[in-house]
């Protein structure tokens, strides 16, 4: 019996942004339970410190919160499922940001490019577009620049995630989360 959670999902494809940094390796894919879609997200963020020897990692993780549209929105938010891929070692989880209506359908990352001998943070924040047009911005940090918005899910919505995370580097520069891909499902 195949335990892959997306074998029952039809018409799946990945949304990518292609401007993340490239340190670390891609983690496992995690997919919303069958019949549910991501309507909210939360972030694992290390708060910034500004000392000379400080090593900031900024964005460490992204968690999607999935709801079942057939159950009505009010009860769905209470009984949501959460999915996440690889997550960095630092920081705290932020409060959930929910689409006012609809589901997550596109995303963009705020990424700091390589800083040479200075402190690298890689991915710093994320924005999602909801299916009814709302834009949700995470509580990440302000370093780096916003890249372009990904393409939009042509089906229902985002239903899964995979992240690229750099493992702790010991005495060297840590970056944690570097890039993300979102899975769309009908």
N, C-alpha and C. Protein backbone atom coordinates (compact mmCIF):
# COMPACT_ATOMS: atom_id res chain seq x y z
N UNK A 1 0.85 -1.20 0.00
CA UNK A 1 0.00 0.00 0.00
C UNK A 1 0.88 1.24 0.00
N UNK A 2 0.68 2.11 -0.94
CA UNK A 2 1.45 3.35 -1.04
C UNK A 2 0.91 4.35 -0.03
N UNK A 3 1.79 4.87 0.81
CA UNK A 3 1.33 5.81 1.84
C UNK A 3 1.53 7.27 1.41
N UNK A 4 1.92 7.50 0.16
CA UNK A 4 2.11 8.86 -0.33
C UNK A 4 0.77 9.60 -0.26
N UNK A 5 0.69 10.71 0.51
CA UNK A 5 -0.60 11.37 0.73
C UNK A 5 -1.19 12.02 -0.51
N UNK A 6 -0.42 12.18 -1.60
CA UNK A 6 -0.99 12.87 -2.74
C UNK A 6 -1.42 11.92 -3.86
N UNK A 7 -1.42 10.62 -3.62
CA UNK A 7 -1.79 9.71 -4.71
C UNK A 7 -3.24 9.88 -5.11
N UNK A 8 -4.06 10.42 -4.22
CA UNK A 8 -5.48 10.61 -4.53
C UNK A 8 -5.77 11.99 -5.10
N UNK A 9 -4.79 12.88 -5.09
CA UNK A 9 -5.00 14.25 -5.60
C UNK A 9 -4.83 14.23 -7.11
N UNK A 10 -5.72 14.87 -7.81
CA UNK A 10 -5.67 14.94 -9.27
C UNK A 10 -5.02 16.25 -9.72
N UNK A 11 -4.41 16.21 -10.90
CA UNK A 11 -3.86 17.41 -11.53
C UNK A 11 -3.02 18.24 -10.57
N UNK A 12 -1.87 17.71 -10.22
CA UNK A 12 -0.96 18.40 -9.31
C UNK A 12 0.19 19.01 -10.10
N UNK A 13 0.68 20.18 -9.67
CA UNK A 13 1.87 20.77 -10.26
C UNK A 13 2.48 21.73 -9.26
N UNK A 14 3.78 21.96 -9.41
CA UNK A 14 4.54 22.79 -8.48
C UNK A 14 4.61 24.24 -8.94
N UNK A 15 4.48 25.16 -7.99
CA UNK A 15 4.76 26.59 -8.22
C UNK A 15 6.17 26.85 -7.69
N UNK A 16 7.01 27.48 -8.52
CA UNK A 16 8.38 27.81 -8.13
C UNK A 16 8.64 29.28 -8.42
N UNK A 17 9.62 29.86 -7.72
CA UNK A 17 9.95 31.25 -7.97
C UNK A 17 11.36 31.46 -8.53
N UNK A 18 12.26 30.51 -8.41
CA UNK A 18 13.59 30.52 -9.07
C UNK A 18 14.51 31.66 -8.70
N UNK A 19 14.27 32.35 -7.59
CA UNK A 19 15.22 33.39 -7.20
C UNK A 19 15.68 33.21 -5.75
N UNK A 20 15.33 32.11 -5.14
CA UNK A 20 15.84 31.82 -3.80
C UNK A 20 17.34 31.57 -3.87
N UNK A 21 18.00 31.57 -2.74
CA UNK A 21 19.41 31.22 -2.70
C UNK A 21 19.50 29.69 -2.71
N UNK A 22 20.70 29.16 -2.85
CA UNK A 22 20.82 27.73 -3.13
C UNK A 22 21.68 26.99 -2.11
N UNK A 23 21.67 27.41 -0.86
CA UNK A 23 22.39 26.67 0.17
C UNK A 23 21.47 25.63 0.78
N UNK A 24 22.02 24.50 1.11
CA UNK A 24 21.22 23.46 1.75
C UNK A 24 20.60 22.50 0.75
N UNK A 25 19.72 21.65 1.26
CA UNK A 25 19.10 20.63 0.42
C UNK A 25 17.58 20.70 0.56
N UNK A 26 16.91 20.17 -0.47
CA UNK A 26 15.45 20.16 -0.47
C UNK A 26 14.95 19.08 0.47
N UNK A 27 13.96 19.43 1.28
CA UNK A 27 13.35 18.50 2.21
C UNK A 27 12.24 17.71 1.56
N UNK A 28 11.51 16.99 2.38
CA UNK A 28 10.40 16.16 1.93
C UNK A 28 9.21 17.03 1.55
N UNK A 29 8.34 16.50 0.69
CA UNK A 29 7.09 17.21 0.38
C UNK A 29 6.07 16.81 1.44
N UNK A 30 5.26 17.77 1.84
CA UNK A 30 4.18 17.50 2.79
C UNK A 30 2.91 18.06 2.16
N UNK A 31 1.85 17.26 2.18
CA UNK A 31 0.65 17.58 1.42
C UNK A 31 -0.57 17.56 2.32
N UNK A 32 -1.45 18.55 2.11
CA UNK A 32 -2.71 18.63 2.86
C UNK A 32 -3.49 17.32 2.70
N UNK A 33 -4.24 16.93 3.72
CA UNK A 33 -5.07 15.72 3.59
C UNK A 33 -6.02 15.86 2.39
N UNK A 34 -6.36 14.72 1.80
CA UNK A 34 -7.23 14.70 0.63
C UNK A 34 -8.50 15.52 0.89
N UNK A 35 -8.85 16.38 -0.08
CA UNK A 35 -10.06 17.20 0.04
C UNK A 35 -9.86 18.50 0.77
N UNK A 36 -8.63 18.78 1.25
CA UNK A 36 -8.37 20.04 1.95
C UNK A 36 -7.35 20.86 1.16
N UNK A 37 -7.36 22.19 1.42
CA UNK A 37 -6.49 23.12 0.73
C UNK A 37 -5.98 24.14 1.73
N UNK A 38 -4.81 24.72 1.41
CA UNK A 38 -4.20 25.70 2.32
C UNK A 38 -4.96 27.02 2.25
N UNK A 39 -5.44 27.48 3.40
CA UNK A 39 -6.14 28.76 3.51
C UNK A 39 -5.40 29.71 4.45
N UNK A 40 -4.33 29.23 5.08
CA UNK A 40 -3.56 30.06 5.99
C UNK A 40 -2.14 29.54 6.10
N UNK A 41 -1.29 30.34 6.77
CA UNK A 41 0.11 29.94 6.95
C UNK A 41 0.66 30.59 8.22
N UNK A 42 1.73 30.01 8.72
CA UNK A 42 2.51 30.62 9.79
C UNK A 42 3.98 30.39 9.47
N UNK A 43 4.84 31.20 10.10
CA UNK A 43 6.28 31.15 9.81
C UNK A 43 7.07 30.90 11.09
N UNK A 44 8.20 30.23 10.94
CA UNK A 44 9.16 30.11 12.03
C UNK A 44 10.26 31.12 11.72
N UNK A 45 10.42 32.13 12.60
CA UNK A 45 11.31 33.25 12.33
C UNK A 45 12.24 33.47 13.52
N UNK A 46 13.53 33.64 13.22
CA UNK A 46 14.48 34.05 14.24
C UNK A 46 14.53 35.57 14.23
N UNK A 47 14.26 36.18 15.39
CA UNK A 47 14.30 37.64 15.48
C UNK A 47 15.73 38.13 15.27
N UNK A 48 15.86 39.29 14.67
CA UNK A 48 17.17 39.81 14.30
C UNK A 48 17.96 40.30 15.50
N UNK A 49 19.27 40.07 15.43
CA UNK A 49 20.19 40.65 16.40
C UNK A 49 21.29 41.34 15.60
N UNK A 50 21.84 42.40 16.15
CA UNK A 50 22.73 43.25 15.37
C UNK A 50 24.16 43.34 15.90
N UNK A 51 24.60 42.42 16.73
CA UNK A 51 25.97 42.45 17.22
C UNK A 51 26.96 42.10 16.11
N UNK A 52 28.22 42.43 16.33
CA UNK A 52 29.27 42.21 15.32
C UNK A 52 29.39 40.73 14.94
N UNK A 53 29.29 39.83 15.91
CA UNK A 53 29.48 38.41 15.66
C UNK A 53 28.16 37.67 15.51
N UNK A 54 27.04 38.38 15.47
CA UNK A 54 25.74 37.70 15.39
C UNK A 54 25.56 37.02 14.04
N UNK A 55 24.88 35.89 14.06
CA UNK A 55 24.62 35.10 12.86
C UNK A 55 23.10 34.95 12.74
N UNK A 56 22.48 35.77 11.91
CA UNK A 56 21.03 35.75 11.74
C UNK A 56 20.62 34.75 10.67
N UNK A 57 19.50 34.07 10.91
CA UNK A 57 18.97 33.13 9.92
C UNK A 57 17.62 33.58 9.38
N UNK A 58 16.94 34.52 10.03
CA UNK A 58 15.64 35.05 9.58
C UNK A 58 14.60 33.95 9.44
N UNK A 59 14.13 33.69 8.21
CA UNK A 59 13.06 32.71 7.99
C UNK A 59 13.61 31.28 8.11
N UNK A 60 13.01 30.50 9.01
CA UNK A 60 13.45 29.12 9.24
C UNK A 60 12.42 28.08 8.80
N UNK A 61 11.15 28.46 8.71
CA UNK A 61 10.14 27.48 8.32
C UNK A 61 8.84 28.11 7.87
N UNK A 62 8.10 27.35 7.06
CA UNK A 62 6.78 27.77 6.58
C UNK A 62 5.82 26.61 6.85
N UNK A 63 4.73 26.91 7.49
CA UNK A 63 3.71 25.90 7.79
C UNK A 63 2.42 26.32 7.09
N UNK A 64 1.82 25.42 6.33
CA UNK A 64 0.54 25.67 5.68
C UNK A 64 -0.57 25.09 6.53
N UNK A 65 -1.71 25.77 6.59
CA UNK A 65 -2.86 25.32 7.38
C UNK A 65 -4.00 25.04 6.40
N UNK A 66 -4.44 23.79 6.39
CA UNK A 66 -5.35 23.27 5.37
C UNK A 66 -6.76 23.09 5.94
N UNK A 67 -7.74 23.50 5.14
CA UNK A 67 -9.14 23.36 5.57
C UNK A 67 -9.93 22.61 4.51
N UNK A 68 -11.04 22.06 4.93
CA UNK A 68 -11.95 21.32 4.05
C UNK A 68 -13.09 22.26 3.66
N UNK A 69 -13.16 22.67 2.38
CA UNK A 69 -14.19 23.63 1.99
C UNK A 69 -15.61 23.08 2.13
N UNK A 70 -15.77 21.78 2.19
CA UNK A 70 -17.12 21.21 2.28
C UNK A 70 -17.70 21.32 3.69
N UNK A 71 -16.86 21.68 4.68
CA UNK A 71 -17.34 21.74 6.07
C UNK A 71 -17.77 23.14 6.49
N UNK A 72 -17.71 24.11 5.59
CA UNK A 72 -18.05 25.48 5.98
C UNK A 72 -16.85 26.12 6.65
N UNK A 73 -16.63 27.39 6.39
CA UNK A 73 -15.40 28.02 6.83
C UNK A 73 -15.26 28.13 8.34
N UNK A 74 -16.32 28.42 9.06
CA UNK A 74 -16.15 28.66 10.51
C UNK A 74 -15.63 27.42 11.22
N UNK A 75 -16.17 26.25 10.95
CA UNK A 75 -15.68 25.05 11.64
C UNK A 75 -14.37 24.56 11.05
N UNK A 76 -14.10 24.87 9.77
CA UNK A 76 -12.86 24.43 9.14
C UNK A 76 -11.64 25.06 9.80
N UNK A 77 -11.72 26.33 10.15
CA UNK A 77 -10.56 26.98 10.76
C UNK A 77 -10.25 26.37 12.12
N UNK A 78 -11.26 25.89 12.83
CA UNK A 78 -11.03 25.27 14.14
C UNK A 78 -10.43 23.88 13.99
N UNK A 79 -10.78 23.16 12.93
CA UNK A 79 -10.35 21.78 12.75
C UNK A 79 -9.40 21.64 11.56
N UNK A 80 -8.46 22.57 11.43
CA UNK A 80 -7.56 22.54 10.29
C UNK A 80 -6.42 21.54 10.51
N UNK A 81 -5.83 21.11 9.41
CA UNK A 81 -4.62 20.28 9.43
C UNK A 81 -3.44 21.16 9.06
N UNK A 82 -2.27 20.88 9.60
CA UNK A 82 -1.07 21.67 9.30
C UNK A 82 -0.03 20.79 8.63
N UNK A 83 0.64 21.34 7.61
CA UNK A 83 1.71 20.63 6.91
C UNK A 83 2.92 21.54 6.79
N UNK A 84 4.10 20.92 6.79
CA UNK A 84 5.35 21.67 6.63
C UNK A 84 6.40 20.72 6.09
N UNK A 85 7.40 21.27 5.42
CA UNK A 85 8.53 20.50 4.94
C UNK A 85 9.67 20.70 5.94
N UNK A 86 10.88 20.67 5.45
CA UNK A 86 12.06 20.85 6.31
C UNK A 86 12.00 22.22 6.98
N UNK A 87 12.45 22.30 8.23
CA UNK A 87 12.42 23.54 9.02
C UNK A 87 13.78 23.74 9.67
N UNK A 88 14.26 24.99 9.71
CA UNK A 88 15.53 25.30 10.35
C UNK A 88 15.44 25.21 11.87
N UNK A 89 16.59 25.34 12.51
CA UNK A 89 16.73 25.10 13.96
C UNK A 89 16.36 26.28 14.85
N UNK A 90 16.23 27.48 14.29
CA UNK A 90 16.11 28.67 15.11
C UNK A 90 14.74 29.33 14.99
N UNK A 91 14.39 30.13 16.01
CA UNK A 91 13.21 30.97 15.92
C UNK A 91 11.97 30.40 16.57
N UNK A 92 10.89 31.17 16.45
CA UNK A 92 9.59 30.84 17.04
C UNK A 92 8.53 30.91 15.95
N UNK A 93 7.45 30.14 16.13
CA UNK A 93 6.35 30.16 15.16
C UNK A 93 5.47 31.38 15.40
N UNK A 94 5.09 32.04 14.31
CA UNK A 94 4.21 33.21 14.37
C UNK A 94 2.75 32.75 14.41
N UNK A 95 1.87 33.71 14.65
CA UNK A 95 0.43 33.43 14.60
C UNK A 95 0.02 33.08 13.17
N UNK A 96 -1.06 32.32 13.03
CA UNK A 96 -1.56 31.96 11.71
C UNK A 96 -2.19 33.18 11.03
N UNK A 97 -1.89 33.36 9.76
CA UNK A 97 -2.56 34.37 8.93
C UNK A 97 -3.47 33.61 7.97
N UNK A 98 -4.78 33.92 8.02
CA UNK A 98 -5.77 33.24 7.20
C UNK A 98 -6.24 34.14 6.07
N UNK A 99 -6.52 33.54 4.91
CA UNK A 99 -7.20 34.27 3.84
C UNK A 99 -8.56 34.70 4.39
N UNK A 100 -8.99 35.95 4.14
CA UNK A 100 -10.31 36.38 4.60
C UNK A 100 -11.42 35.53 3.97
N UNK A 101 -11.16 35.05 2.75
CA UNK A 101 -12.03 34.08 2.10
C UNK A 101 -11.19 33.40 1.03
N UNK A 102 -11.53 32.19 0.68
CA UNK A 102 -10.78 31.48 -0.34
C UNK A 102 -9.54 30.80 0.20
N UNK A 103 -8.61 30.50 -0.72
CA UNK A 103 -7.43 29.70 -0.41
C UNK A 103 -6.17 30.37 -0.94
N UNK A 104 -5.01 29.89 -0.51
CA UNK A 104 -3.73 30.37 -1.02
C UNK A 104 -3.55 29.87 -2.45
N UNK A 105 -3.17 30.78 -3.37
CA UNK A 105 -3.06 30.38 -4.78
C UNK A 105 -1.74 30.78 -5.45
N UNK A 106 -0.94 31.64 -4.83
CA UNK A 106 0.35 32.06 -5.39
C UNK A 106 1.21 32.59 -4.24
N UNK A 107 2.54 32.67 -4.47
CA UNK A 107 3.42 33.16 -3.40
C UNK A 107 4.62 33.89 -3.97
N UNK A 108 5.26 34.66 -3.11
CA UNK A 108 6.53 35.30 -3.44
C UNK A 108 7.39 35.32 -2.18
N UNK A 109 8.70 35.28 -2.37
CA UNK A 109 9.65 35.29 -1.26
C UNK A 109 10.42 36.61 -1.21
N UNK A 110 10.79 36.99 0.00
CA UNK A 110 11.74 38.10 0.20
C UNK A 110 13.08 37.43 0.50
N UNK A 111 14.07 37.66 -0.37
CA UNK A 111 15.34 36.93 -0.29
C UNK A 111 16.50 37.92 -0.28
N UNK A 112 17.44 37.67 0.61
CA UNK A 112 18.69 38.43 0.62
C UNK A 112 19.73 37.62 -0.15
N UNK A 113 20.33 38.24 -1.17
CA UNK A 113 21.35 37.55 -1.96
C UNK A 113 22.61 37.34 -1.11
N UNK A 114 23.55 36.59 -1.63
CA UNK A 114 24.79 36.31 -0.91
C UNK A 114 25.47 37.61 -0.49
N UNK A 115 25.93 37.66 0.77
CA UNK A 115 26.57 38.86 1.32
C UNK A 115 28.09 38.74 1.39
N UNK A 116 28.64 37.73 0.70
CA UNK A 116 30.10 37.55 0.74
C UNK A 116 30.55 37.17 2.14
N UNK A 117 31.48 37.95 2.72
CA UNK A 117 31.97 37.62 4.06
C UNK A 117 31.03 38.10 5.17
N UNK A 118 30.02 38.89 4.80
CA UNK A 118 29.04 39.37 5.78
C UNK A 118 28.04 38.25 6.10
N UNK A 119 27.12 38.52 7.02
CA UNK A 119 26.13 37.55 7.48
C UNK A 119 25.05 37.32 6.43
N UNK A 120 24.90 36.09 5.97
CA UNK A 120 23.84 35.72 5.02
C UNK A 120 22.58 35.29 5.78
N UNK A 121 21.42 35.71 5.29
CA UNK A 121 20.15 35.26 5.88
C UNK A 121 19.29 34.49 4.89
N UNK A 122 19.55 34.59 3.58
CA UNK A 122 18.77 33.91 2.52
C UNK A 122 17.31 34.36 2.56
N UNK A 123 16.36 33.42 2.65
CA UNK A 123 14.93 33.80 2.65
C UNK A 123 14.57 34.48 3.97
N UNK A 124 13.84 35.59 3.87
CA UNK A 124 13.49 36.38 5.04
C UNK A 124 12.00 36.45 5.32
N UNK A 125 11.16 36.35 4.27
CA UNK A 125 9.72 36.49 4.47
C UNK A 125 9.00 35.90 3.26
N UNK A 126 7.68 35.80 3.36
CA UNK A 126 6.86 35.27 2.27
C UNK A 126 5.54 36.03 2.23
N UNK A 127 5.01 36.15 1.02
CA UNK A 127 3.65 36.67 0.81
C UNK A 127 2.88 35.61 0.03
N UNK A 128 1.59 35.51 0.34
CA UNK A 128 0.69 34.65 -0.42
C UNK A 128 -0.45 35.48 -0.97
N UNK A 129 -0.89 35.13 -2.18
CA UNK A 129 -2.11 35.70 -2.73
C UNK A 129 -3.22 34.69 -2.49
N UNK A 130 -4.38 35.19 -2.05
CA UNK A 130 -5.55 34.34 -1.83
C UNK A 130 -6.40 34.32 -3.10
N UNK A 131 -7.22 33.29 -3.25
CA UNK A 131 -8.01 33.11 -4.47
C UNK A 131 -8.98 34.26 -4.73
N UNK A 132 -9.35 35.01 -3.72
CA UNK A 132 -10.26 36.13 -3.94
C UNK A 132 -9.51 37.47 -3.97
N UNK A 133 -8.18 37.41 -4.17
CA UNK A 133 -7.40 38.62 -4.40
C UNK A 133 -6.64 39.19 -3.22
N UNK A 134 -6.95 38.79 -2.01
CA UNK A 134 -6.24 39.33 -0.84
C UNK A 134 -4.76 38.93 -0.89
N UNK A 135 -3.91 39.80 -0.33
CA UNK A 135 -2.48 39.53 -0.21
C UNK A 135 -2.15 39.43 1.27
N UNK A 136 -1.52 38.31 1.67
CA UNK A 136 -1.13 38.11 3.07
C UNK A 136 0.38 38.13 3.16
N UNK A 137 0.93 38.99 4.02
CA UNK A 137 2.37 39.06 4.22
C UNK A 137 2.73 38.47 5.57
N UNK A 138 3.76 37.62 5.58
CA UNK A 138 4.21 36.98 6.82
C UNK A 138 4.89 37.96 7.74
N UNK A 139 5.14 37.49 8.96
CA UNK A 139 5.83 38.29 9.97
C UNK A 139 7.31 37.95 9.98
N UNK A 140 7.91 37.90 8.80
CA UNK A 140 9.34 37.64 8.68
C UNK A 140 10.13 38.92 8.89
N UNK A 141 11.35 38.95 8.36
CA UNK A 141 12.22 40.11 8.54
C UNK A 141 12.31 40.90 7.23
N UNK A 142 12.96 42.06 7.28
CA UNK A 142 12.93 43.01 6.18
C UNK A 142 14.19 43.02 5.32
N UNK A 143 15.14 42.12 5.57
CA UNK A 143 16.34 42.11 4.73
C UNK A 143 16.02 41.52 3.37
N UNK A 144 16.78 41.94 2.37
CA UNK A 144 16.61 41.40 1.04
C UNK A 144 15.53 42.12 0.26
N UNK A 145 15.17 41.56 -0.88
CA UNK A 145 14.20 42.16 -1.79
C UNK A 145 13.10 41.16 -2.10
N UNK A 146 11.90 41.68 -2.37
CA UNK A 146 10.80 40.83 -2.81
C UNK A 146 11.05 40.44 -4.26
N UNK A 147 10.96 39.16 -4.56
CA UNK A 147 11.01 38.69 -5.94
C UNK A 147 9.63 38.76 -6.55
N UNK A 148 9.50 38.26 -7.76
CA UNK A 148 8.21 38.27 -8.43
C UNK A 148 7.27 37.24 -7.82
N UNK A 149 5.99 37.43 -8.03
CA UNK A 149 4.97 36.48 -7.58
C UNK A 149 5.01 35.26 -8.48
N UNK A 150 4.85 34.09 -7.90
CA UNK A 150 4.80 32.85 -8.69
C UNK A 150 3.60 32.89 -9.62
N UNK A 151 3.52 31.93 -10.51
CA UNK A 151 2.30 31.77 -11.28
C UNK A 151 1.18 31.40 -10.30
N UNK A 152 -0.05 31.46 -10.75
CA UNK A 152 -1.22 31.19 -9.89
C UNK A 152 -1.73 29.78 -10.15
N UNK A 153 -2.14 29.11 -9.10
CA UNK A 153 -2.75 27.78 -9.25
C UNK A 153 -3.93 27.89 -10.20
N UNK A 154 -3.95 27.08 -11.23
CA UNK A 154 -5.06 27.07 -12.16
C UNK A 154 -6.22 26.24 -11.63
N UNK A 155 -5.91 25.30 -10.74
CA UNK A 155 -6.95 24.47 -10.14
C UNK A 155 -7.53 25.17 -8.94
N UNK A 156 -7.80 24.42 -7.88
CA UNK A 156 -8.40 25.01 -6.69
C UNK A 156 -7.42 25.89 -5.93
N UNK A 157 -6.31 25.30 -5.46
CA UNK A 157 -5.43 26.08 -4.57
C UNK A 157 -4.14 25.33 -4.25
N UNK A 158 -3.29 25.99 -3.46
CA UNK A 158 -2.08 25.36 -2.93
C UNK A 158 -2.51 24.26 -1.95
N UNK A 159 -1.83 23.12 -2.06
CA UNK A 159 -2.18 21.97 -1.21
C UNK A 159 -0.96 21.28 -0.63
N UNK A 160 0.24 21.81 -0.88
CA UNK A 160 1.44 21.17 -0.34
C UNK A 160 2.64 22.08 -0.44
N UNK A 161 3.73 21.62 0.19
CA UNK A 161 4.94 22.45 0.31
C UNK A 161 6.18 21.57 0.31
N UNK A 162 7.28 22.15 -0.21
CA UNK A 162 8.60 21.56 -0.08
C UNK A 162 9.57 22.73 0.09
N UNK A 163 10.50 22.63 1.04
CA UNK A 163 11.43 23.73 1.32
C UNK A 163 12.88 23.28 1.21
N UNK A 164 13.74 24.24 0.90
CA UNK A 164 15.19 24.01 0.85
C UNK A 164 15.79 24.68 2.08
N UNK A 165 16.44 23.89 2.93
CA UNK A 165 16.96 24.39 4.20
C UNK A 165 18.42 23.98 4.34
N UNK A 166 19.24 24.93 4.78
CA UNK A 166 20.64 24.64 5.07
C UNK A 166 20.75 24.15 6.51
N UNK A 167 21.44 23.03 6.69
CA UNK A 167 21.68 22.49 8.03
C UNK A 167 22.56 23.46 8.84
N UNK A 168 22.53 23.39 10.19
CA UNK A 168 23.41 24.24 11.00
C UNK A 168 24.88 24.07 10.58
N UNK A 169 25.58 25.20 10.48
CA UNK A 169 26.95 25.23 9.97
C UNK A 169 28.02 25.32 11.06
N UNK A 170 27.64 25.10 12.31
CA UNK A 170 28.62 25.20 13.39
C UNK A 170 29.11 26.63 13.54
N UNK A 171 30.39 26.85 13.44
CA UNK A 171 30.96 28.19 13.60
C UNK A 171 30.86 29.02 12.32
N UNK A 172 30.41 28.43 11.23
CA UNK A 172 30.27 29.18 9.97
C UNK A 172 28.89 29.83 9.90
N UNK A 173 28.67 30.59 8.83
CA UNK A 173 27.44 31.37 8.64
C UNK A 173 26.23 30.47 8.39
N UNK A 174 25.17 30.64 9.18
CA UNK A 174 23.94 29.88 9.01
C UNK A 174 22.91 30.70 8.23
N UNK A 175 22.11 30.01 7.37
CA UNK A 175 21.05 30.70 6.65
C UNK A 175 19.67 30.09 6.90
N UNK A 176 19.57 28.82 7.25
CA UNK A 176 18.30 28.12 7.43
C UNK A 176 17.53 28.04 6.11
N UNK A 177 16.29 28.60 6.04
CA UNK A 177 15.45 28.42 4.85
C UNK A 177 15.97 29.26 3.68
N UNK A 178 16.13 28.63 2.52
CA UNK A 178 16.65 29.30 1.33
C UNK A 178 15.63 29.44 0.21
N UNK A 179 14.73 28.48 0.06
CA UNK A 179 13.80 28.50 -1.06
C UNK A 179 12.59 27.63 -0.70
N UNK A 180 11.51 27.79 -1.46
CA UNK A 180 10.30 27.01 -1.24
C UNK A 180 9.60 26.77 -2.56
N UNK A 181 8.89 25.65 -2.64
CA UNK A 181 8.00 25.34 -3.74
C UNK A 181 6.64 24.98 -3.14
N UNK A 182 5.58 25.39 -3.82
CA UNK A 182 4.22 25.09 -3.37
C UNK A 182 3.54 24.19 -4.39
N UNK A 183 2.81 23.21 -3.90
CA UNK A 183 2.08 22.28 -4.76
C UNK A 183 0.65 22.75 -4.94
N UNK A 184 0.18 22.76 -6.19
CA UNK A 184 -1.21 23.09 -6.49
C UNK A 184 -1.99 21.81 -6.70
N UNK A 185 -3.25 21.77 -6.28
CA UNK A 185 -4.13 20.63 -6.51
C UNK A 185 -5.48 21.12 -7.00
N UNK A 186 -6.13 20.30 -7.81
CA UNK A 186 -7.52 20.53 -8.16
C UNK A 186 -8.39 20.04 -7.02
